[in-house]
Amino acid sequence: MTLTKRSADGTVIAYEKSGSGPPLVLVDGALCHRASGPSRPLAARLAGSFTVYAYDRRGRGESGDTAPYAVQREIEDLAALIEDAGAPALVCGFSSGAILSLDAAAAGLPISRLAVFEPSFSVDDGRPPLPADYVERLDAYTAAGQPGDAVELFMTAAVGLPAEAMAGMRQSPFWPALEAVAPTIAYDGRIVGTTMSGAPLPADRWAAISMPVLVMYGRGTAPWLISGSRALADLLPTATLQPVDGEQHSVPAEVLAPALRQFAAAG
């Protein structure tokens, strides 16, 4: 059942909760929401151990959106969910949602423990850096009513798919669902910032994080994602690095669920 919560700026955030136990809030990455992404399958696996909150980030699924966008508004969205869940909460973020979760923890949200899966960090020459005008181009496509071009830019510049694969993807049955959330790709671009430029991670961005952090990556994922996860674990004094079975920037719910249960039980 879909529930709603108003964020600080009045935006309605849609979510669902399942299970019983200590609160766990799941934070999706780019293009993902409850109907399309890892949160709902993972929530089903964890409902026996936690009260799991899966939500549609603003601009996606059944959640609203309010202009102008700011990363702080998304932090406030997460704060509203944690307040509803009953602070403090365990938070688990995926990809760019992992970076948002890190920013929220650094901002002082009542997070008891933080788990992140493959934060989208590129800290070496393992992949080309995002174009310097990446967010500006995404905004321009949205303003021009060209969501497909925004999705294509994300798929080629961020995901790394070849340009020649795009024609076939545009004909796929899932393409309209990607176009529906295309305006939010620029939101994740702002969250990622310069962390996909091939430079070292900023030493001070998450310096305020004091809770235990679990940094996970799939053993079969792209090498640059492994390097980024390791760099984060090296940066945070409270972090533990844990490889899990998974590949292509995804992980099966049946693999991630026991890792989260073990992490929650450790403290």
C-alpha atoms as a PDB file:
ATOM      1  CA  MET A   1       0.000   0.000   0.000  1.00  0.00           C
ATOM      2  CA  THR A   2       1.291   3.435  -0.940  1.00  0.00           C
ATOM      3  CA  LEU A   3       1.680   5.903   1.915  1.00  0.00           C
ATOM      4  CA  THR A   4       2.703   9.551   1.683  1.00  0.00           C
ATOM      5  CA  LYS A   5       4.764  11.988   3.691  1.00  0.00           C
ATOM      6  CA  ARG A   6       5.252  15.704   3.118  1.00  0.00           C
ATOM      7  CA  SER A   7       8.826  16.892   2.967  1.00  0.00           C
ATOM      8  CA  ALA A   8       9.977  20.203   4.415  1.00  0.00           C
ATOM      9  CA  ASP A   9       9.185  22.099   1.198  1.00  0.00           C
ATOM     10  CA  GLY A  10       5.726  20.542   0.924  1.00  0.00           C
ATOM     11  CA  THR A  11       6.584  17.954  -1.712  1.00  0.00           C
ATOM     12  CA  VAL A  12       4.600  14.750  -1.296  1.00  0.00           C
ATOM     13  CA  ILE A  13       6.886  11.712  -1.064  1.00  0.00           C
ATOM     14  CA  ALA A  14       5.301   8.318  -1.755  1.00  0.00           C
ATOM     15  CA  TYR A  15       6.546   5.267   0.079  1.00  0.00           C
ATOM     16  CA  GLU A  16       5.584   1.847   1.329  1.00  0.00           C
ATOM     17  CA  LYS A  17       6.582   0.071   4.476  1.00  0.00           C
ATOM     18  CA  SER A  18       6.696  -3.621   5.168  1.00  0.00           C
ATOM     19  CA  GLY A  19       7.724  -5.993   7.918  1.00  0.00           C
ATOM     20  CA  SER A  20       8.503  -5.354  11.549  1.00  0.00           C
ATOM     21  CA  GLY A  21      11.594  -4.575  13.568  1.00  0.00           C
ATOM     22  CA  PRO A  22      14.079  -1.708  13.589  1.00  0.00           C
ATOM     23  CA  PRO A  23      13.583   0.837  10.777  1.00  0.00           C
ATOM     24  CA  LEU A  24      15.513   0.504   7.525  1.00  0.00           C
ATOM     25  CA  VAL A  25      15.199   3.100   4.742  1.00  0.00           C
ATOM     26  CA  LEU A  26      16.278   2.194   1.194  1.00  0.00           C
ATOM     27  CA  VAL A  27      17.565   4.937  -1.136  1.00  0.00           C
ATOM     28  CA  ASP A  28      17.550   4.202  -4.868  1.00  0.00           C
ATOM     29  CA  GLY A  29      20.017   5.388  -7.482  1.00  0.00           C
ATOM     30  CA  ALA A  30      19.474   7.085 -10.836  1.00  0.00           C
ATOM     31  CA  LEU A  31      16.286   6.216 -12.761  1.00  0.00           C
ATOM     32  CA  CYS A  32      15.149   3.759 -10.067  1.00  0.00           C
ATOM     33  CA  HIS A  33      12.064   3.894  -7.874  1.00  0.00           C
ATOM     34  CA  ARG A  34       9.790   1.417  -6.123  1.00  0.00           C
ATOM     35  CA  ALA A  35       8.350  -0.024  -9.320  1.00  0.00           C
ATOM     36  CA  SER A  36      11.728  -0.312 -11.041  1.00  0.00           C
ATOM     37  CA  GLY A  37      14.860  -0.979  -9.053  1.00  0.00           C
ATOM     38  CA  PRO A  38      16.341  -2.988  -6.193  1.00  0.00           C
ATOM     39  CA  SER A  39      14.294  -1.622  -3.283  1.00  0.00           C
ATOM     40  CA  ARG A  40      11.045  -3.573  -3.541  1.00  0.00           C
ATOM     41  CA  PRO A  41      12.671  -7.044  -3.966  1.00  0.00           C
ATOM     42  CA  LEU A  42      15.097  -6.256  -1.153  1.00  0.00           C
ATOM     43  CA  ALA A  43      12.283  -5.065   1.110  1.00  0.00           C
ATOM     44  CA  ALA A  44      10.493  -8.371   0.592  1.00  0.00           C
ATOM     45  CA  ARG A  45      13.622 -10.233   1.706  1.00  0.00           C
ATOM     46  CA  LEU A  46      14.175  -8.044   4.772  1.00  0.00           C
ATOM     47  CA  ALA A  47      10.615  -7.690   6.032  1.00  0.00           C
ATOM     48  CA  GLY A  48      11.186 -10.470   8.561  1.00  0.00           C
ATOM     49  CA  SER A  49      14.003  -8.523  10.227  1.00  0.00           C
ATOM     50  CA  PHE A  50      13.191  -4.817   9.750  1.00  0.00           C
ATOM     51  CA  THR A  51      10.409  -2.366   9.173  1.00  0.00           C
ATOM     52  CA  VAL A  52      11.537  -1.489   5.666  1.00  0.00           C
ATOM     53  CA  TYR A  53      10.773   1.852   4.051  1.00  0.00           C
ATOM     54  CA  ALA A  54      11.048   1.959   0.260  1.00  0.00           C
ATOM     55  CA  TYR A  55      10.217   5.307  -1.314  1.00  0.00           C
ATOM     56  CA  ASP A  56      10.058   7.087  -4.645  1.00  0.00           C
ATOM     57  CA  ARG A  57      12.626   9.846  -4.690  1.00  0.00           C
ATOM     58  CA  ARG A  58      11.162  13.190  -5.752  1.00  0.00           C
ATOM     59  CA  GLY A  59      10.165  13.395  -9.400  1.00  0.00           C
ATOM     60  CA  ARG A  60       9.796   9.624  -9.706  1.00  0.00           C
ATOM     61  CA  GLY A  61       6.972   7.124  -9.448  1.00  0.00           C
ATOM     62  CA  GLU A  62       4.180   8.488  -7.286  1.00  0.00           C
ATOM     63  CA  SER A  63       6.203  11.202  -5.552  1.00  0.00           C
ATOM     64  CA  GLY A  64       5.798  14.863  -6.380  1.00  0.00           C
ATOM     65  CA  ASP A  65       8.440  17.403  -7.289  1.00  0.00           C
ATOM     66  CA  THR A  66       8.994  21.069  -6.525  1.00  0.00           C
ATOM     67  CA  ALA A  67      11.207  23.460  -8.445  1.00  0.00           C
ATOM     68  CA  PRO A  68      13.900  24.569  -8.170  1.00  0.00           C
ATOM     69  CA  TYR A  69      15.789  21.387  -7.378  1.00  0.00           C
ATOM     70  CA  ALA A  70      18.455  21.298  -4.672  1.00  0.00           C
ATOM     71  CA  VAL A  71      20.293  18.363  -3.160  1.00  0.00           C
ATOM     72  CA  GLN A  72      19.303  19.678   0.261  1.00  0.00           C
ATOM     73  CA  ARG A  73      15.639  19.045  -0.644  1.00  0.00           C
ATOM     74  CA  GLU A  74      16.419  15.367  -1.195  1.00  0.00           C
ATOM     75  CA  ILE A  75      18.180  15.239   2.160  1.00  0.00           C
ATOM     76  CA  GLU A  76      15.016  16.699   3.682  1.00  0.00           C
ATOM     77  CA  ASP A  77      12.958  14.018   1.921  1.00  0.00           C
ATOM     78  CA  LEU A  78      15.061  11.329   3.541  1.00  0.00           C
ATOM     79  CA  ALA A  79      14.798  13.124   6.889  1.00  0.00           C
ATOM     80  CA  ALA A  80      11.002  13.041   6.600  1.00  0.00           C
ATOM     81  CA  LEU A  81      11.051   9.295   5.980  1.00  0.00           C
ATOM     82  CA  ILE A  82      13.362   8.686   8.930  1.00  0.00           C
ATOM     83  CA  GLU A  83      11.098  10.814  11.130  1.00  0.00           C
ATOM     84  CA  ASP A  84       8.122   8.709  10.068  1.00  0.00           C
ATOM     85  CA  ALA A  85      10.074   5.492  10.612  1.00  0.00           C
ATOM     86  CA  GLY A  86      11.162   6.485  14.093  1.00  0.00           C
ATOM     87  CA  ALA A  87      14.718   7.737  14.390  1.00  0.00           C
ATOM     88  CA  PRO A  88      17.394   6.614  14.366  1.00  0.00           C
ATOM     89  CA  ALA A  89      17.233   4.372  11.304  1.00  0.00           C
ATOM     90  CA  LEU A  90      19.518   2.125   9.347  1.00  0.00           C
ATOM     91  CA  VAL A  91      19.885   3.540   5.819  1.00  0.00           C
ATOM     92  CA  CYS A  92      21.021   1.675   2.710  1.00  0.00           C
ATOM     93  CA  GLY A  93      21.769   3.571  -0.508  1.00  0.00           C
ATOM     94  CA  PHE A  94      22.577   2.362  -4.003  1.00  0.00           C
ATOM     95  CA  SER A  95      24.865   4.022  -6.582  1.00  0.00           C
ATOM     96  CA  SER A  96      24.112   7.779  -6.662  1.00  0.00           C
ATOM     97  CA  GLY A  97      21.572   7.085  -3.889  1.00  0.00           C
ATOM     98  CA  ALA A  98      24.548   5.911  -1.843  1.00  0.00           C
ATOM     99  CA  ILE A  99      26.147   9.323  -2.314  1.00  0.00           C
ATOM    100  CA  LEU A 100      22.900  11.013  -1.294  1.00  0.00           C
ATOM    101  CA  SER A 101      22.844   8.813   1.814  1.00  0.00           C
ATOM    102  CA  LEU A 102      26.414   9.788   2.638  1.00  0.00           C
ATOM    103  CA  ASP A 103      25.540  13.471   2.265  1.00  0.00           C
ATOM    104  CA  ALA A 104      22.514  12.978   4.523  1.00  0.00           C
ATOM    105  CA  ALA A 105      24.636  11.269   7.173  1.00  0.00           C
ATOM    106  CA  ALA A 106      27.202  14.065   7.013  1.00  0.00           C
ATOM    107  CA  ALA A 107      24.367  16.597   7.395  1.00  0.00           C
ATOM    108  CA  GLY A 108      23.493  15.055  10.743  1.00  0.00           C
ATOM    109  CA  LEU A 109      20.363  13.043   9.973  1.00  0.00           C
ATOM    110  CA  PRO A 110      19.578  10.483  12.709  1.00  0.00           C
ATOM    111  CA  ILE A 111      21.112   7.480  10.965  1.00  0.00           C
ATOM    112  CA  SER A 112      22.240   4.693  13.262  1.00  0.00           C
ATOM    113  CA  ARG A 113      24.213   2.750  10.665  1.00  0.00           C
ATOM    114  CA  LEU A 114      24.780   3.392   6.974  1.00  0.00           C
ATOM    115  CA  ALA A 115      25.219   0.802   4.232  1.00  0.00           C
ATOM    116  CA  VAL A 116      26.145   1.817   0.694  1.00  0.00           C
ATOM    117  CA  PHE A 117      26.363  -0.356  -2.404  1.00  0.00           C
ATOM    118  CA  GLU A 118      28.715   0.696  -5.189  1.00  0.00           C
ATOM    119  CA  PRO A 119      28.616   4.479  -4.806  1.00  0.00           C
ATOM    120  CA  SER A 120      29.206   5.907  -8.280  1.00  0.00           C
ATOM    121  CA  PHE A 121      32.734   7.157  -7.667  1.00  0.00           C
ATOM    122  CA  SER A 122      35.437   7.206 -10.339  1.00  0.00           C
ATOM    123  CA  VAL A 123      38.752   7.974  -8.679  1.00  0.00           C
ATOM    124  CA  ASP A 124      41.245   6.816 -11.319  1.00  0.00           C
ATOM    125  CA  ASP A 125      41.558   6.378 -15.080  1.00  0.00           C
ATOM    126  CA  GLY A 126      39.361   3.271 -15.140  1.00  0.00           C
ATOM    127  CA  ARG A 127      36.707   5.068 -17.176  1.00  0.00           C
ATOM    128  CA  PRO A 128      36.318   8.422 -18.945  1.00  0.00           C
ATOM    129  CA  PRO A 129      35.238  11.240 -16.629  1.00  0.00           C
ATOM    130  CA  LEU A 130      31.753  12.659 -16.932  1.00  0.00           C
ATOM    131  CA  PRO A 131      31.639  15.610 -19.342  1.00  0.00           C
ATOM    132  CA  ALA A 132      32.156  18.938 -17.596  1.00  0.00           C
ATOM    133  CA  ASP A 133      28.805  20.155 -18.963  1.00  0.00           C
ATOM    134  CA  TYR A 134      26.932  16.921 -18.149  1.00  0.00           C
ATOM    135  CA  VAL A 135      24.305  18.457 -15.830  1.00  0.00           C
ATOM    136  CA  GLU A 136      23.816  21.498 -18.076  1.00  0.00           C
ATOM    137  CA  ARG A 137      23.156  19.235 -21.076  1.00  0.00           C
ATOM    138  CA  LEU A 138      20.677  17.163 -19.089  1.00  0.00           C
ATOM    139  CA  ASP A 139      18.836  20.298 -17.995  1.00  0.00           C
ATOM    140  CA  ALA A 140      18.739  21.538 -21.581  1.00  0.00           C
ATOM    141  CA  TYR A 141      17.217  18.293 -22.841  1.00  0.00           C
ATOM    142  CA  THR A 142      14.556  18.446 -20.144  1.00  0.00           C
ATOM    143  CA  ALA A 143      13.748  22.070 -20.906  1.00  0.00           C
ATOM    144  CA  ALA A 144      13.454  21.244 -24.610  1.00  0.00           C
ATOM    145  CA  GLY A 145      11.086  18.325 -23.989  1.00  0.00           C
ATOM    146  CA  GLN A 146      13.637  15.722 -25.103  1.00  0.00           C
ATOM    147  CA  PRO A 147      13.658  13.131 -22.298  1.00  0.00           C
ATOM    148  CA  GLY A 148      14.988  10.420 -24.578  1.00  0.00           C
ATOM    149  CA  ASP A 149      18.112  12.440 -25.276  1.00  0.00           C
ATOM    150  CA  ALA A 150      18.651  12.880 -21.532  1.00  0.00           C
ATOM    151  CA  VAL A 151      18.395   9.127 -21.010  1.00  0.00           C
ATOM    152  CA  GLU A 152      20.787   8.519 -23.903  1.00  0.00           C
ATOM    153  CA  LEU A 153      23.339  10.939 -22.447  1.00  0.00           C
ATOM    154  CA  PHE A 154      23.126   9.133 -19.112  1.00  0.00           C
ATOM    155  CA  MET A 155      23.477   5.713 -20.731  1.00  0.00           C
ATOM    156  CA  THR A 156      26.504   6.688 -22.787  1.00  0.00           C
ATOM    157  CA  ALA A 157      28.346   9.229 -20.598  1.00  0.00           C
ATOM    158  CA  ALA A 158      27.548   7.810 -17.134  1.00  0.00           C
ATOM    159  CA  VAL A 159      26.807   4.124 -17.654  1.00  0.00           C
ATOM    160  CA  GLY A 160      29.312   3.769 -20.494  1.00  0.00           C
ATOM    161  CA  LEU A 161      27.175   2.006 -23.096  1.00  0.00           C
ATOM    162  CA  PRO A 162      28.250   2.455 -26.728  1.00  0.00           C
ATOM    163  CA  ALA A 163      26.361   5.056 -28.757  1.00  0.00           C
ATOM    164  CA  GLU A 164      25.464   2.450 -31.357  1.00  0.00           C
ATOM    165  CA  ALA A 165      23.425   0.556 -28.751  1.00  0.00           C
ATOM    166  CA  MET A 166      21.043   3.456 -28.228  1.00  0.00           C
ATOM    167  CA  ALA A 167      18.879   2.991 -31.320  1.00  0.00           C
ATOM    168  CA  GLY A 168      17.900  -0.488 -30.175  1.00  0.00           C
ATOM    169  CA  MET A 169      17.337   0.634 -26.602  1.00  0.00           C
ATOM    170  CA  ARG A 170      14.991   3.387 -27.744  1.00  0.00           C
ATOM    171  CA  GLN A 171      12.781   0.703 -29.293  1.00  0.00           C
ATOM    172  CA  SER A 172      12.697  -1.434 -26.161  1.00  0.00           C
ATOM    173  CA  PRO A 173       9.492  -1.749 -24.095  1.00  0.00           C
ATOM    174  CA  PHE A 174      11.147  -0.262 -20.996  1.00  0.00           C
ATOM    175  CA  TRP A 175      12.282   2.970 -22.719  1.00  0.00           C
ATOM    176  CA  PRO A 176       9.087   4.956 -21.950  1.00  0.00           C
ATOM    177  CA  ALA A 177       9.542   4.218 -18.241  1.00  0.00           C
ATOM    178  CA  LEU A 178      13.074   5.632 -18.423  1.00  0.00           C
ATOM    179  CA  GLU A 179      11.857   8.743 -20.228  1.00  0.00           C
ATOM    180  CA  ALA A 180       9.223   9.264 -17.517  1.00  0.00           C
ATOM    181  CA  VAL A 181      11.919   9.864 -14.885  1.00  0.00           C
ATOM    182  CA  ALA A 182      14.494  11.439 -17.225  1.00  0.00           C
ATOM    183  CA  PRO A 183      14.267  14.906 -15.605  1.00  0.00           C
ATOM    184  CA  THR A 184      15.629  13.416 -12.395  1.00  0.00           C
ATOM    185  CA  ILE A 185      18.879  12.278 -14.042  1.00  0.00           C
ATOM    186  CA  ALA A 186      20.163  15.827 -13.621  1.00  0.00           C
ATOM    187  CA  TYR A 187      19.307  15.590  -9.917  1.00  0.00           C
ATOM    188  CA  ASP A 188      21.642  12.618  -9.556  1.00  0.00           C
ATOM    189  CA  GLY A 189      24.215  14.460 -11.638  1.00  0.00           C
ATOM    190  CA  ARG A 190      24.221  17.219  -9.044  1.00  0.00           C
ATOM    191  CA  ILE A 191      24.522  14.695  -6.215  1.00  0.00           C
ATOM    192  CA  VAL A 192      27.449  12.964  -7.900  1.00  0.00           C
ATOM    193  CA  GLY A 193      29.138  16.305  -8.566  1.00  0.00           C
ATOM    194  CA  THR A 194      32.808  15.871  -9.408  1.00  0.00           C
ATOM    195  CA  THR A 195      33.126  12.390  -7.898  1.00  0.00           C
ATOM    196  CA  MET A 196      33.140  10.793 -11.369  1.00  0.00           C
ATOM    197  CA  SER A 197      35.984  12.929 -12.684  1.00  0.00           C
ATOM    198  CA  GLY A 198      38.827  10.509 -11.977  1.00  0.00           C
ATOM    199  CA  ALA A 199      40.120  12.633  -9.103  1.00  0.00           C
ATOM    200  CA  PRO A 200      40.526  11.555  -5.459  1.00  0.00           C
ATOM    201  CA  LEU A 201      37.418  11.807  -3.301  1.00  0.00           C
ATOM    202  CA  PRO A 202      36.993  15.106  -1.424  1.00  0.00           C
ATOM    203  CA  ALA A 203      38.562  14.674   1.972  1.00  0.00           C
ATOM    204  CA  ASP A 204      36.069  16.890   3.800  1.00  0.00           C
ATOM    205  CA  ARG A 205      32.673  16.163   2.194  1.00  0.00           C
ATOM    206  CA  TRP A 206      31.824  13.317   4.593  1.00  0.00           C
ATOM    207  CA  ALA A 207      34.204  14.156   7.438  1.00  0.00           C
ATOM    208  CA  ALA A 208      31.287  14.532   9.880  1.00  0.00           C
ATOM    209  CA  ILE A 209      30.166  10.921   9.481  1.00  0.00           C
ATOM    210  CA  SER A 210      30.665   9.075  12.767  1.00  0.00           C
ATOM    211  CA  MET A 211      28.283   6.114  12.565  1.00  0.00           C
ATOM    212  CA  PRO A 212      29.390   2.679  11.325  1.00  0.00           C
ATOM    213  CA  VAL A 213      29.418   2.481   7.511  1.00  0.00           C
ATOM    214  CA  LEU A 214      29.337  -0.674   5.410  1.00  0.00           C
ATOM    215  CA  VAL A 215      30.712  -0.193   1.888  1.00  0.00           C
ATOM    216  CA  MET A 216      29.795  -3.021  -0.485  1.00  0.00           C
ATOM    217  CA  TYR A 217      30.590  -3.827  -4.084  1.00  0.00           C
ATOM    218  CA  GLY A 218      29.907  -6.780  -6.344  1.00  0.00           C
ATOM    219  CA  ARG A 219      32.874  -9.025  -7.069  1.00  0.00           C
ATOM    220  CA  GLY A 220      32.035  -9.033 -10.770  1.00  0.00           C
ATOM    221  CA  THR A 221      31.317  -5.338 -11.168  1.00  0.00           C
ATOM    222  CA  ALA A 222      33.293  -2.798 -13.199  1.00  0.00           C
ATOM    223  CA  PRO A 223      36.815  -2.274 -11.829  1.00  0.00           C
ATOM    224  CA  TRP A 224      36.315   1.493 -11.490  1.00  0.00           C
ATOM    225  CA  LEU A 225      33.395   0.901  -9.135  1.00  0.00           C
ATOM    226  CA  ILE A 226      35.551  -1.367  -7.003  1.00  0.00           C
ATOM    227  CA  SER A 227      38.266   1.304  -6.866  1.00  0.00           C
ATOM    228  CA  GLY A 228      35.691   3.907  -5.870  1.00  0.00           C
ATOM    229  CA  SER A 229      34.278   1.726  -3.103  1.00  0.00           C
ATOM    230  CA  ARG A 230      37.746   1.055  -1.762  1.00  0.00           C
ATOM    231  CA  ALA A 231      38.583   4.764  -1.839  1.00  0.00           C
ATOM    232  CA  LEU A 232      35.496   5.558   0.224  1.00  0.00           C
ATOM    233  CA  ALA A 233      36.280   2.838   2.756  1.00  0.00           C
ATOM    234  CA  ASP A 234      39.814   4.201   3.073  1.00  0.00           C
ATOM    235  CA  LEU A 235      38.469   7.717   3.573  1.00  0.00           C
ATOM    236  CA  LEU A 236      35.970   6.969   6.350  1.00  0.00           C
ATOM    237  CA  PRO A 237      37.439   5.876   9.705  1.00  0.00           C
ATOM    238  CA  THR A 238      34.234   4.021  10.660  1.00  0.00           C
ATOM    239  CA  ALA A 239      33.880   2.137   7.348  1.00  0.00           C
ATOM    240  CA  THR A 240      34.104  -1.563   6.647  1.00  0.00           C
ATOM    241  CA  LEU A 241      34.614  -2.792   3.085  1.00  0.00           C
ATOM    242  CA  GLN A 242      32.762  -5.928   2.010  1.00  0.00           C
ATOM    243  CA  PRO A 243      32.699  -7.547  -1.435  1.00  0.00           C
ATOM    244  CA  VAL A 244      29.559  -9.550  -2.226  1.00  0.00           C
ATOM    245  CA  ASP A 245      28.392 -11.688  -5.117  1.00  0.00           C
ATOM    246  CA  GLY A 246      27.110  -9.422  -7.869  1.00  0.00           C
ATOM    247  CA  GLU A 247      28.013  -7.917 -11.197  1.00  0.00           C
ATOM    248  CA  GLN A 248      27.165  -5.100 -13.604  1.00  0.00           C
ATOM    249  CA  HIS A 249      26.408  -2.601 -10.818  1.00  0.00           C
ATOM    250  CA  SER A 250      23.664  -4.766  -9.337  1.00  0.00           C
ATOM    251  CA  VAL A 251      23.332  -7.327  -6.601  1.00  0.00           C
ATOM    252  CA  PRO A 252      20.653  -9.973  -6.001  1.00  0.00           C
ATOM    253  CA  ALA A 253      18.376  -9.270  -3.056  1.00  0.00           C
ATOM    254  CA  GLU A 254      19.130 -12.713  -1.669  1.00  0.00           C
ATOM    255  CA  VAL A 255      22.816 -11.732  -1.461  1.00  0.00           C
ATOM    256  CA  LEU A 256      22.395  -8.243  -0.038  1.00  0.00           C
ATOM    257  CA  ALA A 257      19.748  -9.121   2.578  1.00  0.00           C
ATOM    258  CA  PRO A 258      21.984 -11.308   4.789  1.00  0.00           C
ATOM    259  CA  ALA A 259      24.818  -8.780   4.538  1.00  0.00           C
ATOM    260  CA  LEU A 260      22.512  -6.063   5.858  1.00  0.00           C
ATOM    261  CA  ARG A 261      21.189  -8.297   8.634  1.00  0.00           C
ATOM    262  CA  GLN A 262      24.743  -9.070   9.742  1.00  0.00           C
ATOM    263  CA  PHE A 263      25.704  -5.385   9.613  1.00  0.00           C
ATOM    264  CA  ALA A 264      22.677  -4.363  11.694  1.00  0.00           C
ATOM    265  CA  ALA A 265      23.377  -7.037  14.276  1.00  0.00           C
ATOM    266  CA  ALA A 266      27.008  -5.980  14.686  1.00  0.00           C
ATOM    267  CA  GLY A 267      26.269  -2.939  16.776  1.00  0.00           C
END
